[in-house]
C-alpha atoms as a PDB file:
ATOM      1  CA  MET A   1      -0.125  -0.010   0.037  1.00  0.00           C
ATOM      2  CA  ILE A   2       1.216   3.432  -0.966  1.00  0.00           C
ATOM      3  CA  PHE A   3       1.666   5.901   2.109  1.00  0.00           C
ATOM      4  CA  GLY A   4       3.034   8.754  -0.001  1.00  0.00           C
ATOM      5  CA  VAL A   5       4.520  10.077  -3.170  1.00  0.00           C
ATOM      6  CA  GLY A   6       6.830  12.944  -3.621  1.00  0.00           C
ATOM      7  CA  ILE A   7       8.504  14.689  -6.575  1.00  0.00           C
ATOM      8  CA  ASP A   8      10.840  17.539  -6.697  1.00  0.00           C
ATOM      9  CA  LEU A   9      12.706  19.536  -9.463  1.00  0.00           C
ATOM     10  CA  ILE A  10      15.356  21.988  -9.024  1.00  0.00           C
ATOM     11  CA  GLU A  11      17.713  24.048 -10.992  1.00  0.00           C
ATOM     12  CA  VAL A  12      21.372  22.970 -10.781  1.00  0.00           C
ATOM     13  CA  ALA A  13      22.589  26.461 -10.887  1.00  0.00           C
ATOM     14  CA  ARG A  14      20.725  27.215  -7.580  1.00  0.00           C
ATOM     15  CA  ILE A  15      22.379  24.610  -5.766  1.00  0.00           C
ATOM     16  CA  GLU A  16      25.837  25.337  -7.375  1.00  0.00           C
ATOM     17  CA  LYS A  17      25.376  28.990  -6.237  1.00  0.00           C
ATOM     18  CA  GLN A  18      24.760  27.829  -2.731  1.00  0.00           C
ATOM     19  CA  LEU A  19      27.838  25.524  -2.789  1.00  0.00           C
ATOM     20  CA  LEU A  20      30.083  28.271  -3.867  1.00  0.00           C
ATOM     21  CA  GLU A  21      28.752  31.218  -1.927  1.00  0.00           C
ATOM     22  CA  ASN A  22      27.255  29.881   1.336  1.00  0.00           C
ATOM     23  CA  SER A  23      29.936  28.368   3.468  1.00  0.00           C
ATOM     24  CA  GLY A  24      28.538  25.535   5.635  1.00  0.00           C
ATOM     25  CA  PHE A  25      25.795  24.912   3.230  1.00  0.00           C
ATOM     26  CA  ARG A  26      27.227  21.242   2.296  1.00  0.00           C
ATOM     27  CA  GLU A  27      27.395  20.426   5.826  1.00  0.00           C
ATOM     28  CA  LYS A  28      24.026  21.735   6.838  1.00  0.00           C
ATOM     29  CA  ILE A  29      22.275  19.873   4.061  1.00  0.00           C
ATOM     30  CA  PHE A  30      24.267  16.697   3.097  1.00  0.00           C
ATOM     31  CA  THR A  31      25.784  13.914   5.123  1.00  0.00           C
ATOM     32  CA  LYS A  32      29.533  13.190   4.991  1.00  0.00           C
ATOM     33  CA  ASP A  33      28.887  10.060   2.610  1.00  0.00           C
ATOM     34  CA  GLU A  34      26.859  12.227   0.408  1.00  0.00           C
ATOM     35  CA  ILE A  35      29.320  14.927   0.215  1.00  0.00           C
ATOM     36  CA  LYS A  36      32.193  12.234  -0.417  1.00  0.00           C
ATOM     37  CA  TYR A  37      30.062  10.805  -3.265  1.00  0.00           C
ATOM     38  CA  CYS A  38      29.216  13.953  -4.910  1.00  0.00           C
ATOM     39  CA  ASP A  39      32.629  15.459  -4.447  1.00  0.00           C
ATOM     40  CA  SER A  40      34.089  12.245  -6.419  1.00  0.00           C
ATOM     41  CA  LYS A  41      32.069  13.283  -9.409  1.00  0.00           C
ATOM     42  CA  LYS A  42      33.040  15.541 -12.228  1.00  0.00           C
ATOM     43  CA  LYS A  43      29.782  17.399 -12.377  1.00  0.00           C
ATOM     44  CA  LYS A  44      29.423  17.902  -8.622  1.00  0.00           C
ATOM     45  CA  ALA A  45      26.583  20.174  -8.549  1.00  0.00           C
ATOM     46  CA  GLU A  46      24.383  17.935 -10.467  1.00  0.00           C
ATOM     47  CA  HIS A  47      24.832  15.222  -8.017  1.00  0.00           C
ATOM     48  CA  PHE A  48      24.266  17.588  -5.061  1.00  0.00           C
ATOM     49  CA  ALA A  49      21.279  19.083  -6.727  1.00  0.00           C
ATOM     50  CA  ALA A  50      19.728  15.570  -7.379  1.00  0.00           C
ATOM     51  CA  ARG A  51      20.227  14.820  -3.695  1.00  0.00           C
ATOM     52  CA  PHE A  52      18.554  17.985  -2.536  1.00  0.00           C
ATOM     53  CA  ALA A  53      15.594  17.270  -4.892  1.00  0.00           C
ATOM     54  CA  ALA A  54      15.293  13.792  -3.266  1.00  0.00           C
ATOM     55  CA  LYS A  55      15.382  15.152   0.200  1.00  0.00           C
ATOM     56  CA  GLU A  56      12.603  17.695  -0.700  1.00  0.00           C
ATOM     57  CA  ALA A  57      10.564  14.711  -2.512  1.00  0.00           C
ATOM     58  CA  PHE A  58      11.095  12.630   0.783  1.00  0.00           C
ATOM     59  CA  LEU A  59       9.418  15.305   2.725  1.00  0.00           C
ATOM     60  CA  LYS A  60       6.483  15.753   0.328  1.00  0.00           C
ATOM     61  CA  ALA A  61       5.832  11.977   0.502  1.00  0.00           C
ATOM     62  CA  ILE A  62       5.643  11.943   4.306  1.00  0.00           C
ATOM     63  CA  GLY A  63       3.251  14.655   3.920  1.00  0.00           C
ATOM     64  CA  THR A  64       4.452  16.714   6.786  1.00  0.00           C
ATOM     65  CA  GLY A  65       7.162  18.841   5.177  1.00  0.00           C
ATOM     66  CA  TRP A  66       9.451  20.503   7.872  1.00  0.00           C
ATOM     67  CA  ARG A  67       6.565  20.759  10.519  1.00  0.00           C
ATOM     68  CA  ASN A  68       7.813  18.012  12.861  1.00  0.00           C
ATOM     69  CA  GLY A  69      11.368  19.316  13.095  1.00  0.00           C
ATOM     70  CA  PHE A  70      12.960  17.043  10.627  1.00  0.00           C
ATOM     71  CA  SER A  71      16.369  17.845   9.342  1.00  0.00           C
ATOM     72  CA  PHE A  72      18.020  17.413   6.053  1.00  0.00           C
ATOM     73  CA  LEU A  73      20.792  15.481   7.682  1.00  0.00           C
ATOM     74  CA  GLU A  74      18.358  12.918   8.821  1.00  0.00           C
ATOM     75  CA  ILE A  75      17.690  11.999   5.148  1.00  0.00           C
ATOM     76  CA  ALA A  76      20.706  10.418   3.347  1.00  0.00           C
ATOM     77  CA  VAL A  77      20.798   9.716  -0.375  1.00  0.00           C
ATOM     78  CA  LEU A  78      23.304   6.830  -0.914  1.00  0.00           C
ATOM     79  CA  ASN A  79      23.915   4.062  -3.398  1.00  0.00           C
ATOM     80  CA  ASP A  80      23.728   0.399  -3.095  1.00  0.00           C
ATOM     81  CA  GLU A  81      26.415  -2.032  -4.342  1.00  0.00           C
ATOM     82  CA  PHE A  82      24.883  -1.816  -7.906  1.00  0.00           C
ATOM     83  CA  GLY A  83      24.826   2.055  -7.950  1.00  0.00           C
ATOM     84  CA  LYS A  84      21.107   2.318  -7.260  1.00  0.00           C
ATOM     85  CA  PRO A  85      20.056   5.275  -5.100  1.00  0.00           C
ATOM     86  CA  ILE A  86      18.674   4.415  -1.697  1.00  0.00           C
ATOM     87  CA  LEU A  87      17.370   6.477   1.185  1.00  0.00           C
ATOM     88  CA  GLU A  88      18.780   6.000   4.760  1.00  0.00           C
ATOM     89  CA  ILE A  89      16.849   7.762   7.484  1.00  0.00           C
ATOM     90  CA  TYR A  90      18.019   8.762  10.931  1.00  0.00           C
ATOM     91  CA  GLY A  91      16.660  10.421  13.981  1.00  0.00           C
ATOM     92  CA  LYS A  92      13.068  11.917  14.430  1.00  0.00           C
ATOM     93  CA  THR A  93      12.560  11.130  10.818  1.00  0.00           C
ATOM     94  CA  LYS A  94      13.386   7.469  11.335  1.00  0.00           C
ATOM     95  CA  GLN A  95      11.023   7.459  14.268  1.00  0.00           C
ATOM     96  CA  PHE A  96       8.239   8.875  12.023  1.00  0.00           C
ATOM     97  CA  ILE A  97       8.814   6.094   9.356  1.00  0.00           C
ATOM     98  CA  GLU A  98       8.755   3.347  12.144  1.00  0.00           C
ATOM     99  CA  GLU A  99       5.513   5.055  13.799  1.00  0.00           C
ATOM    100  CA  ASN A 100       3.811   4.982  10.404  1.00  0.00           C
ATOM    101  CA  LYS A 101       4.878   1.466   9.587  1.00  0.00           C
ATOM    102  CA  ILE A 102       6.536   2.471   6.269  1.00  0.00           C
ATOM    103  CA  LYS A 103       8.418  -0.810   5.153  1.00  0.00           C
ATOM    104  CA  ASN A 104       9.797   0.271   1.637  1.00  0.00           C
ATOM    105  CA  MET A 105      11.265   3.420   0.297  1.00  0.00           C
ATOM    106  CA  GLN A 106      11.670   3.804  -3.420  1.00  0.00           C
ATOM    107  CA  ILE A 107      13.675   6.619  -4.976  1.00  0.00           C
ATOM    108  CA  SER A 108      14.703   7.612  -8.558  1.00  0.00           C
ATOM    109  CA  LEU A 109      17.095  10.554  -9.464  1.00  0.00           C
ATOM    110  CA  SER A 110      17.726  12.139 -12.850  1.00  0.00           C
ATOM    111  CA  HIS A 111      19.856  15.193 -13.708  1.00  0.00           C
ATOM    112  CA  LEU A 112      21.068  17.233 -16.542  1.00  0.00           C
ATOM    113  CA  LYS A 113      23.259  20.276 -16.912  1.00  0.00           C
ATOM    114  CA  ASP A 114      20.431  22.491 -15.892  1.00  0.00           C
ATOM    115  CA  LEU A 115      18.016  20.500 -13.963  1.00  0.00           C
ATOM    116  CA  ALA A 116      17.903  17.797 -11.310  1.00  0.00           C
ATOM    117  CA  THR A 117      14.644  15.833 -10.177  1.00  0.00           C
ATOM    118  CA  ALA A 118      13.834  13.027  -7.785  1.00  0.00           C
ATOM    119  CA  ILE A 119      10.726  10.941  -6.977  1.00  0.00           C
ATOM    120  CA  VAL A 120      10.127   9.092  -3.852  1.00  0.00           C
ATOM    121  CA  ILE A 121       7.598   6.455  -3.121  1.00  0.00           C
ATOM    122  CA  LEU A 122       6.776   5.377   0.485  1.00  0.00           C
ATOM    123  CA  GLU A 123       5.070   2.048   0.819  1.00  0.00           C
ATOM    124  CA  LYS A 124       3.595   0.567   4.031  1.00  0.00           C
END
């Protein structure tokens, strides 16, 4: 059974500007593993933007947004051994997932030079 669906689209330039001009932006939004992954890529901003979009899509899928005090750092977009993106959830956000009996989290990312998008599907 579907608990929620979220989708987000963001301009890569918007994230790239934050990465260049806002010291601390990376550490406020992305986990150490996400930063390590994105920094290893040639087109870093596209990968950061896709992960940012995924975090926004996740919050839309749970249906509460930021109201419950969730943090971007409680939502990590990582990759499994085959490169497939996966979500790892921590803290208050993980507690919400467990309380609502969400068993599966599906995620898909896509990015181009100018745009990044993500969709998240949460299943009970």
